């Protein structure tokens, strides 16, 4: 099945490069190419493509036009797939793109457009209602999550770290209180604070959370 495409990219050289890549696949039909958000919206209304390929940053503001367009099309053209192209690894934009669901959405780095198999694969995937996230963006999201978790540990007080170590060791409130010369009420208060800071629901979940991160040892 031939897929009809609309391309939005403000760089002439990049736009022509993508056009040339798409021409290598006879089942991809580029029906319109434009250079701004204000051109993209009416082009989609006019041509009713199967998939839109759009840069993130375009005129008029050069900020997040591609993300806004992708989110708009969920309401105005829910059957259209969207492949968002980015020059840089920007995890926050990927999160915004998938915030209302990943169906029919892809986030790729522009360095992928030279590989027609990879680009065409993403296009067909979103046309079928699937999703694609560039591996480098996945790596950045994981790295960011790891940094966030490290910052959580950094917010624990010295006493909370001591209590956490005993929780990981499986000790009871009474045993922790005796080891640290505290009342059980104070131990309970410390554990409540740690649960809140780490976003865990109970001592078992907290112990598992800390063990995975090598904390509490």
N, C-alpha and C. Protein backbone atom coordinates (compact mmCIF):
# COMPACT_ATOMS: atom_id res chain seq x y z
N UNK A 1 0.84 -1.19 0.00
CA UNK A 1 0.00 0.00 0.00
C UNK A 1 0.87 1.24 0.00
N UNK A 2 0.59 2.17 -0.90
CA UNK A 2 1.34 3.42 -0.97
C UNK A 2 0.86 4.36 0.13
N UNK A 3 1.80 4.92 0.89
CA UNK A 3 1.47 5.84 1.97
C UNK A 3 1.70 7.27 1.51
N UNK A 4 0.71 8.12 1.76
CA UNK A 4 0.80 9.53 1.39
C UNK A 4 1.41 10.31 2.57
N UNK A 5 2.40 11.15 2.25
CA UNK A 5 3.16 11.84 3.29
C UNK A 5 3.14 13.35 3.09
N UNK A 6 3.12 14.08 4.20
CA UNK A 6 3.36 15.52 4.19
C UNK A 6 4.59 15.76 5.06
N UNK A 7 5.53 16.55 4.53
CA UNK A 7 6.78 16.85 5.22
C UNK A 7 6.82 18.31 5.64
N UNK A 8 7.22 18.58 6.89
CA UNK A 8 7.41 19.95 7.37
C UNK A 8 8.84 20.07 7.92
N UNK A 9 9.63 20.88 7.26
CA UNK A 9 11.04 21.08 7.64
C UNK A 9 11.48 22.43 7.09
N UNK A 10 11.96 23.32 7.97
CA UNK A 10 12.27 24.67 7.52
C UNK A 10 13.63 24.78 6.83
N UNK A 11 14.53 23.82 7.04
CA UNK A 11 15.83 23.83 6.36
C UNK A 11 15.67 23.26 4.95
N UNK A 12 15.99 24.08 3.95
CA UNK A 12 15.85 23.63 2.57
C UNK A 12 16.70 22.40 2.30
N UNK A 13 17.95 22.42 2.77
CA UNK A 13 18.85 21.29 2.50
C UNK A 13 18.34 20.01 3.16
N UNK A 14 17.88 20.12 4.41
CA UNK A 14 17.35 18.94 5.09
C UNK A 14 16.06 18.46 4.42
N UNK A 15 15.23 19.40 4.02
CA UNK A 15 13.96 19.04 3.36
C UNK A 15 14.22 18.28 2.06
N UNK A 16 15.19 18.76 1.29
CA UNK A 16 15.50 18.09 0.04
C UNK A 16 16.19 16.75 0.28
N UNK A 17 16.98 16.67 1.36
CA UNK A 17 17.61 15.39 1.70
C UNK A 17 16.58 14.33 2.07
N UNK A 18 15.58 14.75 2.85
CA UNK A 18 14.50 13.82 3.22
C UNK A 18 13.70 13.43 1.99
N UNK A 19 13.44 14.42 1.12
CA UNK A 19 12.70 14.15 -0.10
C UNK A 19 13.43 13.09 -0.94
N UNK A 20 14.76 13.24 -1.03
CA UNK A 20 15.55 12.29 -1.81
C UNK A 20 15.52 10.90 -1.20
N UNK A 21 15.56 10.82 0.13
CA UNK A 21 15.50 9.52 0.81
C UNK A 21 14.16 8.85 0.56
N UNK A 22 13.08 9.62 0.68
CA UNK A 22 11.75 9.06 0.49
C UNK A 22 11.54 8.55 -0.94
N UNK A 23 12.21 9.21 -1.90
CA UNK A 23 12.06 8.81 -3.30
C UNK A 23 12.64 7.42 -3.57
N UNK A 24 13.47 6.93 -2.65
CA UNK A 24 14.07 5.61 -2.82
C UNK A 24 13.08 4.49 -2.53
N UNK A 25 11.96 4.82 -1.91
CA UNK A 25 10.94 3.81 -1.58
C UNK A 25 9.69 4.11 -2.40
N UNK A 26 9.38 3.26 -3.33
CA UNK A 26 8.27 3.52 -4.25
C UNK A 26 6.90 3.46 -3.57
N UNK A 27 6.86 2.96 -2.36
CA UNK A 27 5.58 2.89 -1.65
C UNK A 27 5.34 4.10 -0.75
N UNK A 28 6.23 5.10 -0.83
CA UNK A 28 6.06 6.33 -0.07
C UNK A 28 5.86 7.49 -1.05
N UNK A 29 4.77 8.20 -0.92
CA UNK A 29 4.42 9.27 -1.85
C UNK A 29 4.37 10.60 -1.10
N UNK A 30 5.37 11.44 -1.33
CA UNK A 30 5.41 12.75 -0.68
C UNK A 30 4.50 13.71 -1.46
N UNK A 31 3.36 14.03 -0.86
CA UNK A 31 2.36 14.84 -1.58
C UNK A 31 2.51 16.33 -1.31
N UNK A 32 3.24 16.70 -0.24
CA UNK A 32 3.45 18.12 0.05
C UNK A 32 4.66 18.27 0.96
N UNK A 33 5.41 19.36 0.76
CA UNK A 33 6.54 19.70 1.63
C UNK A 33 6.44 21.17 1.97
N UNK A 34 6.58 21.50 3.23
CA UNK A 34 6.44 22.89 3.66
C UNK A 34 7.51 23.21 4.70
N UNK A 35 7.60 24.51 5.04
CA UNK A 35 8.69 24.94 5.89
C UNK A 35 8.29 25.61 7.17
N UNK A 36 7.01 25.55 7.55
CA UNK A 36 6.59 26.19 8.79
C UNK A 36 5.32 25.53 9.34
N UNK A 37 5.06 25.83 10.60
CA UNK A 37 3.84 25.34 11.25
C UNK A 37 2.60 25.87 10.52
N UNK A 38 2.64 27.14 10.15
CA UNK A 38 1.48 27.76 9.51
C UNK A 38 1.21 27.18 8.13
N UNK A 39 2.22 26.61 7.49
CA UNK A 39 2.02 25.94 6.21
C UNK A 39 1.60 24.48 6.40
N UNK A 40 2.08 23.88 7.48
CA UNK A 40 1.81 22.47 7.72
C UNK A 40 0.32 22.20 7.97
N UNK A 41 -0.30 23.00 8.80
CA UNK A 41 -1.69 22.73 9.20
C UNK A 41 -2.62 22.71 7.98
N UNK A 42 -2.62 23.73 7.12
CA UNK A 42 -3.50 23.66 5.94
C UNK A 42 -3.09 22.58 4.95
N UNK A 43 -1.79 22.25 4.88
CA UNK A 43 -1.36 21.19 3.97
C UNK A 43 -1.96 19.85 4.38
N UNK A 44 -2.02 19.60 5.68
CA UNK A 44 -2.63 18.36 6.16
C UNK A 44 -4.13 18.38 5.90
N UNK A 45 -4.77 19.52 6.13
CA UNK A 45 -6.20 19.63 5.86
C UNK A 45 -6.51 19.38 4.39
N UNK A 46 -5.62 19.83 3.52
CA UNK A 46 -5.85 19.71 2.08
C UNK A 46 -5.57 18.31 1.54
N UNK A 47 -4.46 17.70 2.00
CA UNK A 47 -4.01 16.45 1.38
C UNK A 47 -4.41 15.18 2.14
N UNK A 48 -4.80 15.33 3.42
CA UNK A 48 -5.21 14.18 4.22
C UNK A 48 -4.20 13.02 4.10
N UNK A 49 -2.96 13.26 4.51
CA UNK A 49 -1.92 12.22 4.37
C UNK A 49 -2.12 11.08 5.37
N UNK A 50 -1.42 10.00 5.12
CA UNK A 50 -1.40 8.90 6.09
C UNK A 50 -0.44 9.20 7.23
N UNK A 51 0.66 9.89 6.89
CA UNK A 51 1.70 10.19 7.88
C UNK A 51 2.26 11.58 7.63
N UNK A 52 2.54 12.29 8.72
CA UNK A 52 3.23 13.58 8.67
C UNK A 52 4.63 13.40 9.24
N UNK A 53 5.63 13.91 8.53
CA UNK A 53 6.99 13.99 9.04
C UNK A 53 7.25 15.45 9.35
N UNK A 54 7.61 15.76 10.59
CA UNK A 54 7.77 17.16 10.95
C UNK A 54 8.97 17.39 11.85
N UNK A 55 9.68 18.47 11.57
CA UNK A 55 10.73 18.93 12.45
C UNK A 55 10.08 19.43 13.74
N UNK A 56 10.83 19.44 14.84
CA UNK A 56 10.30 20.00 16.09
C UNK A 56 10.26 21.52 16.00
N UNK A 57 11.37 22.12 15.62
CA UNK A 57 11.50 23.58 15.65
C UNK A 57 11.38 24.15 14.25
N UNK A 58 10.34 24.96 14.06
CA UNK A 58 10.09 25.60 12.77
C UNK A 58 9.55 27.00 13.03
N UNK A 59 9.52 27.85 12.00
CA UNK A 59 8.80 29.11 12.14
C UNK A 59 7.33 28.83 12.48
N UNK A 60 6.65 29.70 13.23
CA UNK A 60 7.11 31.06 13.50
C UNK A 60 7.97 31.26 14.74
N UNK A 61 8.02 30.33 15.69
CA UNK A 61 8.74 30.58 16.94
C UNK A 61 10.03 29.80 17.08
N UNK A 62 10.23 28.78 16.24
CA UNK A 62 11.42 27.93 16.32
C UNK A 62 11.58 27.30 17.70
N UNK A 63 10.47 26.85 18.28
CA UNK A 63 10.53 26.22 19.61
C UNK A 63 10.02 24.78 19.57
N UNK A 64 8.68 24.62 19.53
CA UNK A 64 8.10 23.28 19.67
C UNK A 64 6.97 23.03 18.68
N UNK A 65 7.05 23.66 17.50
CA UNK A 65 5.95 23.57 16.54
C UNK A 65 5.59 22.13 16.17
N UNK A 66 6.60 21.28 16.01
CA UNK A 66 6.33 19.90 15.62
C UNK A 66 5.55 19.13 16.67
N UNK A 67 5.88 19.36 17.93
CA UNK A 67 5.15 18.70 19.02
C UNK A 67 3.72 19.22 19.08
N UNK A 68 3.56 20.53 18.95
CA UNK A 68 2.21 21.10 18.99
C UNK A 68 1.36 20.60 17.83
N UNK A 69 1.98 20.48 16.67
CA UNK A 69 1.24 19.97 15.52
C UNK A 69 0.81 18.52 15.74
N UNK A 70 1.73 17.71 16.25
CA UNK A 70 1.42 16.29 16.50
C UNK A 70 0.27 16.16 17.48
N UNK A 71 0.27 16.99 18.52
CA UNK A 71 -0.80 16.94 19.50
C UNK A 71 -2.11 17.46 18.93
N UNK A 72 -2.03 18.48 18.09
CA UNK A 72 -3.23 19.01 17.45
C UNK A 72 -3.88 17.96 16.56
N UNK A 73 -3.07 17.22 15.82
CA UNK A 73 -3.62 16.23 14.89
C UNK A 73 -4.33 15.08 15.60
N UNK A 74 -4.03 14.87 16.87
CA UNK A 74 -4.78 13.84 17.62
C UNK A 74 -6.26 14.17 17.65
N UNK A 75 -6.56 15.47 17.68
CA UNK A 75 -7.96 15.91 17.72
C UNK A 75 -8.53 16.11 16.33
N UNK A 76 -7.76 16.76 15.46
CA UNK A 76 -8.31 17.13 14.15
C UNK A 76 -8.19 16.03 13.10
N UNK A 77 -7.15 15.20 13.20
CA UNK A 77 -6.92 14.11 12.24
C UNK A 77 -6.42 12.88 13.00
N UNK A 78 -7.27 12.26 13.80
CA UNK A 78 -6.82 11.18 14.68
C UNK A 78 -6.25 9.96 13.96
N UNK A 79 -6.52 9.80 12.68
CA UNK A 79 -6.01 8.64 11.96
C UNK A 79 -4.63 8.83 11.36
N UNK A 80 -4.10 10.04 11.46
CA UNK A 80 -2.81 10.35 10.85
C UNK A 80 -1.67 9.99 11.80
N UNK A 81 -0.66 9.30 11.29
CA UNK A 81 0.55 9.04 12.06
C UNK A 81 1.49 10.23 11.95
N UNK A 82 2.32 10.43 12.97
CA UNK A 82 3.27 11.55 12.96
C UNK A 82 4.65 11.06 13.37
N UNK A 83 5.63 11.38 12.53
CA UNK A 83 7.03 11.12 12.86
C UNK A 83 7.68 12.48 13.12
N UNK A 84 8.09 12.70 14.36
CA UNK A 84 8.75 13.96 14.73
C UNK A 84 10.26 13.76 14.60
N UNK A 85 10.91 14.71 13.93
CA UNK A 85 12.34 14.64 13.68
C UNK A 85 13.06 15.72 14.48
N UNK A 86 14.16 15.33 15.14
CA UNK A 86 14.89 16.28 15.97
C UNK A 86 16.38 16.24 15.64
N UNK A 87 16.99 17.41 15.66
CA UNK A 87 18.43 17.49 15.43
C UNK A 87 19.21 16.98 16.63
N UNK A 88 18.64 17.14 17.83
CA UNK A 88 19.33 16.81 19.06
C UNK A 88 18.51 15.84 19.91
N UNK A 89 19.19 15.20 20.85
CA UNK A 89 18.52 14.32 21.81
C UNK A 89 17.83 15.21 22.84
N UNK A 90 16.53 15.26 22.80
CA UNK A 90 15.75 16.13 23.68
C UNK A 90 14.64 15.31 24.35
N UNK A 91 14.95 14.61 25.43
CA UNK A 91 13.97 13.71 26.07
C UNK A 91 12.67 14.40 26.48
N UNK A 92 12.76 15.67 26.90
CA UNK A 92 11.54 16.36 27.33
C UNK A 92 10.52 16.46 26.21
N UNK A 93 10.99 16.68 25.00
CA UNK A 93 10.07 16.74 23.86
C UNK A 93 9.44 15.37 23.59
N UNK A 94 10.24 14.32 23.74
CA UNK A 94 9.70 12.98 23.54
C UNK A 94 8.60 12.69 24.56
N UNK A 95 8.83 13.09 25.80
CA UNK A 95 7.83 12.89 26.85
C UNK A 95 6.54 13.63 26.49
N UNK A 96 6.67 14.85 26.00
CA UNK A 96 5.47 15.62 25.61
C UNK A 96 4.76 14.98 24.43
N UNK A 97 5.53 14.44 23.48
CA UNK A 97 4.92 13.82 22.31
C UNK A 97 4.07 12.62 22.69
N UNK A 98 4.54 11.83 23.65
CA UNK A 98 3.85 10.60 24.04
C UNK A 98 2.94 10.78 25.25
N UNK A 99 2.82 12.00 25.75
CA UNK A 99 2.07 12.23 26.98
C UNK A 99 0.62 11.78 26.89
N UNK A 100 0.00 11.94 25.73
CA UNK A 100 -1.41 11.57 25.55
C UNK A 100 -1.57 10.23 24.85
N UNK A 101 -0.50 9.45 24.82
CA UNK A 101 -0.53 8.14 24.18
C UNK A 101 0.53 8.04 23.10
N UNK A 102 1.04 6.84 22.91
CA UNK A 102 2.11 6.65 21.94
C UNK A 102 1.61 6.15 20.58
N UNK A 103 0.34 5.79 20.49
CA UNK A 103 -0.18 5.24 19.24
C UNK A 103 0.01 6.21 18.08
N UNK A 104 0.61 5.71 17.00
CA UNK A 104 0.76 6.52 15.80
C UNK A 104 1.75 7.66 15.92
N UNK A 105 2.72 7.53 16.83
CA UNK A 105 3.70 8.58 17.03
C UNK A 105 5.12 8.00 17.05
N UNK A 106 6.06 8.75 16.46
CA UNK A 106 7.47 8.35 16.47
C UNK A 106 8.33 9.58 16.73
N UNK A 107 9.43 9.37 17.42
CA UNK A 107 10.40 10.43 17.69
C UNK A 107 11.75 9.92 17.24
N UNK A 108 12.29 10.53 16.16
CA UNK A 108 13.56 10.08 15.59
C UNK A 108 14.54 11.24 15.50
N UNK A 109 15.82 10.92 15.62
CA UNK A 109 16.85 11.91 15.36
C UNK A 109 17.03 12.05 13.85
N UNK A 110 17.38 13.25 13.43
CA UNK A 110 17.51 13.50 12.00
C UNK A 110 18.64 12.69 11.36
N UNK A 111 19.57 12.25 12.17
CA UNK A 111 20.66 11.44 11.61
C UNK A 111 20.14 10.13 11.03
N UNK A 112 18.92 9.75 11.38
CA UNK A 112 18.34 8.50 10.86
C UNK A 112 17.78 8.64 9.45
N UNK A 113 17.54 9.88 9.00
CA UNK A 113 16.82 10.04 7.74
C UNK A 113 17.63 9.57 6.53
N UNK A 114 18.94 9.45 6.68
CA UNK A 114 19.76 8.96 5.59
C UNK A 114 19.63 7.47 5.37
N UNK A 115 19.07 6.77 6.35
CA UNK A 115 18.84 5.33 6.24
C UNK A 115 17.38 5.12 5.88
N UNK A 116 17.10 4.90 4.61
CA UNK A 116 15.71 4.82 4.17
C UNK A 116 14.97 3.66 4.81
N UNK A 117 15.68 2.57 5.09
CA UNK A 117 15.00 1.43 5.72
C UNK A 117 14.51 1.82 7.12
N UNK A 118 15.35 2.53 7.86
CA UNK A 118 14.96 2.93 9.22
C UNK A 118 13.84 3.98 9.17
N UNK A 119 13.99 4.95 8.28
CA UNK A 119 12.97 5.99 8.17
C UNK A 119 11.65 5.41 7.68
N UNK A 120 11.70 4.60 6.64
CA UNK A 120 10.48 3.99 6.11
C UNK A 120 9.83 3.07 7.14
N UNK A 121 10.67 2.38 7.92
CA UNK A 121 10.13 1.51 8.96
C UNK A 121 9.34 2.30 9.99
N UNK A 122 9.86 3.46 10.38
CA UNK A 122 9.15 4.30 11.35
C UNK A 122 7.85 4.84 10.75
N UNK A 123 7.90 5.22 9.48
CA UNK A 123 6.71 5.73 8.82
C UNK A 123 5.61 4.66 8.78
N UNK A 124 5.99 3.47 8.39
CA UNK A 124 4.99 2.40 8.30
C UNK A 124 4.47 2.02 9.69
N UNK A 125 5.35 2.08 10.66
CA UNK A 125 4.95 1.73 12.03
C UNK A 125 3.86 2.68 12.54
N UNK A 126 4.06 3.98 12.36
CA UNK A 126 3.05 4.91 12.87
C UNK A 126 1.79 4.87 12.01
N UNK A 127 1.94 4.57 10.72
CA UNK A 127 0.75 4.45 9.86
C UNK A 127 -0.14 3.31 10.32
N UNK A 128 0.47 2.30 10.93
CA UNK A 128 -0.28 1.15 11.45
C UNK A 128 -0.76 1.37 12.87
N UNK A 129 -0.45 2.55 13.43
CA UNK A 129 -0.89 2.84 14.79
C UNK A 129 0.14 2.52 15.85
N UNK A 130 1.34 2.11 15.43
CA UNK A 130 2.39 1.79 16.39
C UNK A 130 3.20 3.02 16.78
N UNK A 131 4.30 2.79 17.46
CA UNK A 131 5.14 3.90 17.90
C UNK A 131 6.61 3.53 17.78
N UNK A 132 7.44 4.56 17.69
CA UNK A 132 8.89 4.38 17.59
C UNK A 132 9.55 5.48 18.41
N UNK A 133 10.56 5.11 19.20
CA UNK A 133 11.35 6.08 19.96
C UNK A 133 12.81 5.81 19.68
N UNK A 134 13.52 6.82 19.23
CA UNK A 134 14.93 6.67 18.88
C UNK A 134 15.72 6.09 20.05
N UNK A 135 16.57 5.09 19.80
CA UNK A 135 17.34 4.46 20.88
C UNK A 135 18.17 5.45 21.69
N UNK A 136 18.70 6.49 21.05
CA UNK A 136 19.50 7.46 21.79
C UNK A 136 18.65 8.26 22.76
N UNK A 137 17.40 8.48 22.41
CA UNK A 137 16.49 9.19 23.31
C UNK A 137 16.12 8.29 24.49
N UNK A 138 15.94 7.00 24.21
CA UNK A 138 15.68 6.04 25.28
C UNK A 138 16.84 6.05 26.28
N UNK A 139 18.07 6.03 25.77
CA UNK A 139 19.25 6.06 26.64
C UNK A 139 19.26 7.32 27.51
N UNK A 140 18.91 8.47 26.90
CA UNK A 140 18.90 9.73 27.63
C UNK A 140 17.82 9.74 28.71
N UNK A 141 16.67 9.14 28.41
CA UNK A 141 15.59 9.07 29.41
C UNK A 141 16.01 8.21 30.60
N UNK A 142 16.67 7.08 30.31
CA UNK A 142 17.13 6.21 31.38
C UNK A 142 18.19 6.89 32.23
N UNK A 143 19.12 7.59 31.55
CA UNK A 143 20.17 8.30 32.27
C UNK A 143 19.58 9.39 33.15
N UNK A 144 18.57 10.10 32.62
CA UNK A 144 17.92 11.14 33.40
C UNK A 144 17.21 10.58 34.61
N UNK A 145 16.58 9.42 34.44
CA UNK A 145 15.90 8.79 35.57
C UNK A 145 16.90 8.39 36.65
N UNK A 146 18.06 7.88 36.22
CA UNK A 146 19.09 7.48 37.18
C UNK A 146 19.59 8.69 37.97
N UNK A 147 19.75 9.83 37.28
CA UNK A 147 20.19 11.04 37.97
C UNK A 147 19.13 11.50 38.97
N UNK A 148 17.86 11.39 38.58
CA UNK A 148 16.79 11.79 39.48
C UNK A 148 16.79 10.92 40.74
N UNK A 149 17.01 9.62 40.53
CA UNK A 149 17.01 8.71 41.68
C UNK A 149 18.20 9.00 42.59
N UNK A 150 19.34 9.34 42.00
CA UNK A 150 20.51 9.68 42.81
C UNK A 150 20.24 10.94 43.63
N UNK A 151 19.52 11.89 43.03
CA UNK A 151 19.21 13.12 43.74
C UNK A 151 18.25 12.85 44.90
N UNK A 152 17.40 11.83 44.76
CA UNK A 152 16.51 11.46 45.86
C UNK A 152 17.34 10.98 47.05
N UNK A 153 18.31 10.13 46.78
CA UNK A 153 19.18 9.66 47.86
C UNK A 153 19.91 10.81 48.53
N UNK A 154 20.27 11.81 47.70
CA UNK A 154 20.99 12.96 48.24
C UNK A 154 20.14 13.80 49.17
N UNK A 155 18.81 13.67 49.06
CA UNK A 155 17.92 14.45 49.93
C UNK A 155 17.70 13.80 51.30
N UNK A 156 18.15 12.57 51.46
CA UNK A 156 18.00 11.91 52.75
C UNK A 156 19.01 12.47 53.74
N UNK A 157 18.56 12.66 54.98
CA UNK A 157 19.49 13.09 56.03
C UNK A 157 20.39 11.93 56.43
N UNK A 158 21.44 12.25 57.17
CA UNK A 158 22.35 11.19 57.65
C UNK A 158 21.58 10.17 58.48
N UNK A 159 20.70 10.65 59.35
CA UNK A 159 19.94 9.73 60.20
C UNK A 159 19.01 8.88 59.35
N UNK A 160 18.38 9.48 58.33
CA UNK A 160 17.49 8.70 57.45
C UNK A 160 18.27 7.63 56.70
N UNK A 161 19.50 7.94 56.32
CA UNK A 161 20.34 6.93 55.66
C UNK A 161 20.64 5.77 56.61
N UNK A 162 20.88 6.10 57.87
CA UNK A 162 21.12 5.05 58.86
C UNK A 162 19.89 4.16 59.02
N UNK A 163 18.74 4.80 59.12
CA UNK A 163 17.49 4.04 59.25
C UNK A 163 17.27 3.19 58.00
N UNK A 164 17.52 3.75 56.83
CA UNK A 164 17.34 3.02 55.59
C UNK A 164 18.21 1.77 55.55
N UNK A 165 19.44 1.88 56.02
CA UNK A 165 20.33 0.72 56.04
C UNK A 165 19.73 -0.42 56.87
N UNK A 166 19.12 -0.06 58.00
CA UNK A 166 18.50 -1.08 58.84
C UNK A 166 17.25 -1.65 58.19
N UNK A 167 16.49 -0.82 57.47
CA UNK A 167 15.30 -1.31 56.75
C UNK A 167 15.73 -2.33 55.70
N UNK A 168 16.79 -2.01 54.95
CA UNK A 168 17.29 -2.93 53.93
C UNK A 168 17.74 -4.24 54.56
N UNK A 169 18.28 -4.16 55.78
CA UNK A 169 18.73 -5.37 56.48
C UNK A 169 17.57 -6.18 57.04
N UNK A 170 16.34 -5.65 56.94
CA UNK A 170 15.17 -6.40 57.37
C UNK A 170 14.88 -6.31 58.84
N UNK A 171 15.41 -5.32 59.53
CA UNK A 171 15.20 -5.20 60.97
C UNK A 171 13.85 -4.58 61.28
N UNK A 172 13.30 -4.92 62.43
CA UNK A 172 12.01 -4.40 62.87
C UNK A 172 12.17 -2.99 63.44
N UNK A 173 11.04 -2.34 63.69
CA UNK A 173 11.08 -1.02 64.30
C UNK A 173 11.82 -1.06 65.63
N UNK A 174 11.53 -2.06 66.42
CA UNK A 174 12.15 -2.18 67.74
C UNK A 174 13.66 -2.38 67.62
N UNK A 175 14.07 -3.21 66.67
CA UNK A 175 15.50 -3.47 66.49
C UNK A 175 16.23 -2.22 65.99
N UNK A 176 15.58 -1.47 65.10
CA UNK A 176 16.20 -0.23 64.61
C UNK A 176 16.31 0.78 65.74
N UNK A 177 15.24 0.88 66.53
CA UNK A 177 15.24 1.82 67.65
C UNK A 177 16.35 1.48 68.63
N UNK A 178 16.53 0.21 68.95
CA UNK A 178 17.57 -0.20 69.89
C UNK A 178 18.96 0.07 69.34
N UNK A 179 19.14 -0.18 68.04
CA UNK A 179 20.46 -0.01 67.43
C UNK A 179 20.87 1.45 67.35
N UNK A 180 19.90 2.32 67.17
CA UNK A 180 20.21 3.75 66.98
C UNK A 180 19.89 4.58 68.22
N UNK A 181 19.46 3.93 69.30
CA UNK A 181 19.14 4.60 70.55
C UNK A 181 18.04 5.65 70.32
N UNK A 182 16.99 5.21 69.62
CA UNK A 182 15.85 6.06 69.33
C UNK A 182 14.59 5.39 69.84
N UNK A 183 13.50 6.16 69.93
CA UNK A 183 12.22 5.56 70.25
C UNK A 183 11.63 4.97 68.98
N UNK A 184 10.73 4.00 69.15
CA UNK A 184 10.08 3.41 67.98
C UNK A 184 9.25 4.47 67.24
N UNK A 185 8.69 5.41 67.98
CA UNK A 185 7.92 6.47 67.36
C UNK A 185 8.80 7.32 66.44
N UNK A 186 10.02 7.60 66.90
CA UNK A 186 10.95 8.38 66.08
C UNK A 186 11.37 7.60 64.85
N UNK A 187 11.61 6.31 65.01
CA UNK A 187 11.97 5.45 63.87
C UNK A 187 10.83 5.46 62.85
N UNK A 188 9.59 5.33 63.34
CA UNK A 188 8.44 5.34 62.46
C UNK A 188 8.36 6.65 61.68
N UNK A 189 8.66 7.76 62.35
CA UNK A 189 8.62 9.07 61.70
C UNK A 189 9.69 9.16 60.61
N UNK A 190 10.90 8.67 60.92
CA UNK A 190 11.97 8.67 59.91
C UNK A 190 11.58 7.84 58.69
N UNK A 191 11.00 6.68 58.93
CA UNK A 191 10.63 5.79 57.81
C UNK A 191 9.53 6.43 56.98
N UNK A 192 8.59 7.09 57.62
CA UNK A 192 7.54 7.80 56.88
C UNK A 192 8.13 8.87 55.98
N UNK A 193 9.12 9.59 56.50
CA UNK A 193 9.78 10.62 55.69
C UNK A 193 10.52 10.01 54.50
N UNK A 194 11.18 8.88 54.73
CA UNK A 194 11.93 8.22 53.66
C UNK A 194 10.97 7.71 52.59
N UNK A 195 9.85 7.13 53.01
CA UNK A 195 8.86 6.64 52.05
C UNK A 195 8.37 7.78 51.17
N UNK A 196 8.13 8.92 51.79
CA UNK A 196 7.64 10.08 51.04
C UNK A 196 8.69 10.57 50.04
N UNK A 197 9.93 10.67 50.47
CA UNK A 197 10.99 11.18 49.60
C UNK A 197 11.30 10.24 48.44
N UNK A 198 11.17 8.96 48.67
CA UNK A 198 11.51 7.98 47.63
C UNK A 198 10.32 7.57 46.79
N UNK A 199 9.12 7.98 47.20
CA UNK A 199 7.93 7.63 46.44
C UNK A 199 7.56 6.16 46.55
N UNK A 200 7.97 5.51 47.62
CA UNK A 200 7.63 4.11 47.83
C UNK A 200 6.47 4.00 48.82
N UNK A 201 5.76 2.86 48.78
CA UNK A 201 4.51 2.75 49.53
C UNK A 201 4.66 2.09 50.89
N UNK A 202 5.66 1.24 51.05
CA UNK A 202 5.82 0.51 52.31
C UNK A 202 7.27 0.08 52.48
N UNK A 203 7.56 -0.56 53.61
CA UNK A 203 8.95 -0.92 53.90
C UNK A 203 9.51 -1.94 52.91
N UNK A 204 8.69 -2.87 52.49
CA UNK A 204 9.17 -3.87 51.53
C UNK A 204 9.54 -3.23 50.20
N UNK A 205 8.68 -2.33 49.75
CA UNK A 205 8.95 -1.64 48.49
C UNK A 205 10.18 -0.73 48.63
N UNK A 206 10.30 -0.09 49.80
CA UNK A 206 11.45 0.76 50.06
C UNK A 206 12.75 -0.04 50.05
N UNK A 207 12.73 -1.20 50.70
CA UNK A 207 13.93 -2.04 50.74
C UNK A 207 14.34 -2.49 49.34
N UNK A 208 13.35 -2.85 48.53
CA UNK A 208 13.64 -3.26 47.15
C UNK A 208 14.20 -2.09 46.35
N UNK A 209 13.60 -0.91 46.54
CA UNK A 209 14.06 0.29 45.84
C UNK A 209 15.52 0.58 46.19
N UNK A 210 15.84 0.53 47.48
CA UNK A 210 17.19 0.85 47.93
C UNK A 210 18.19 -0.21 47.46
N UNK A 211 17.79 -1.46 47.49
CA UNK A 211 18.68 -2.54 47.08
C UNK A 211 19.06 -2.42 45.61
N UNK A 212 18.07 -2.08 44.77
CA UNK A 212 18.34 -1.92 43.33
C UNK A 212 19.36 -0.82 43.07
N UNK A 213 19.43 0.16 43.96
CA UNK A 213 20.31 1.29 43.75
C UNK A 213 21.58 1.23 44.60
N UNK A 214 21.76 0.10 45.28
CA UNK A 214 22.94 -0.05 46.11
C UNK A 214 22.95 0.87 47.30
N UNK A 215 21.78 1.32 47.72
CA UNK A 215 21.68 2.22 48.86
C UNK A 215 21.45 1.42 50.12
N UNK A 216 21.74 2.05 51.24
CA UNK A 216 21.48 1.43 52.52
C UNK A 216 22.52 0.44 52.96
N UNK A 217 23.63 0.34 52.21
CA UNK A 217 24.68 -0.61 52.59
C UNK A 217 25.82 0.09 53.27
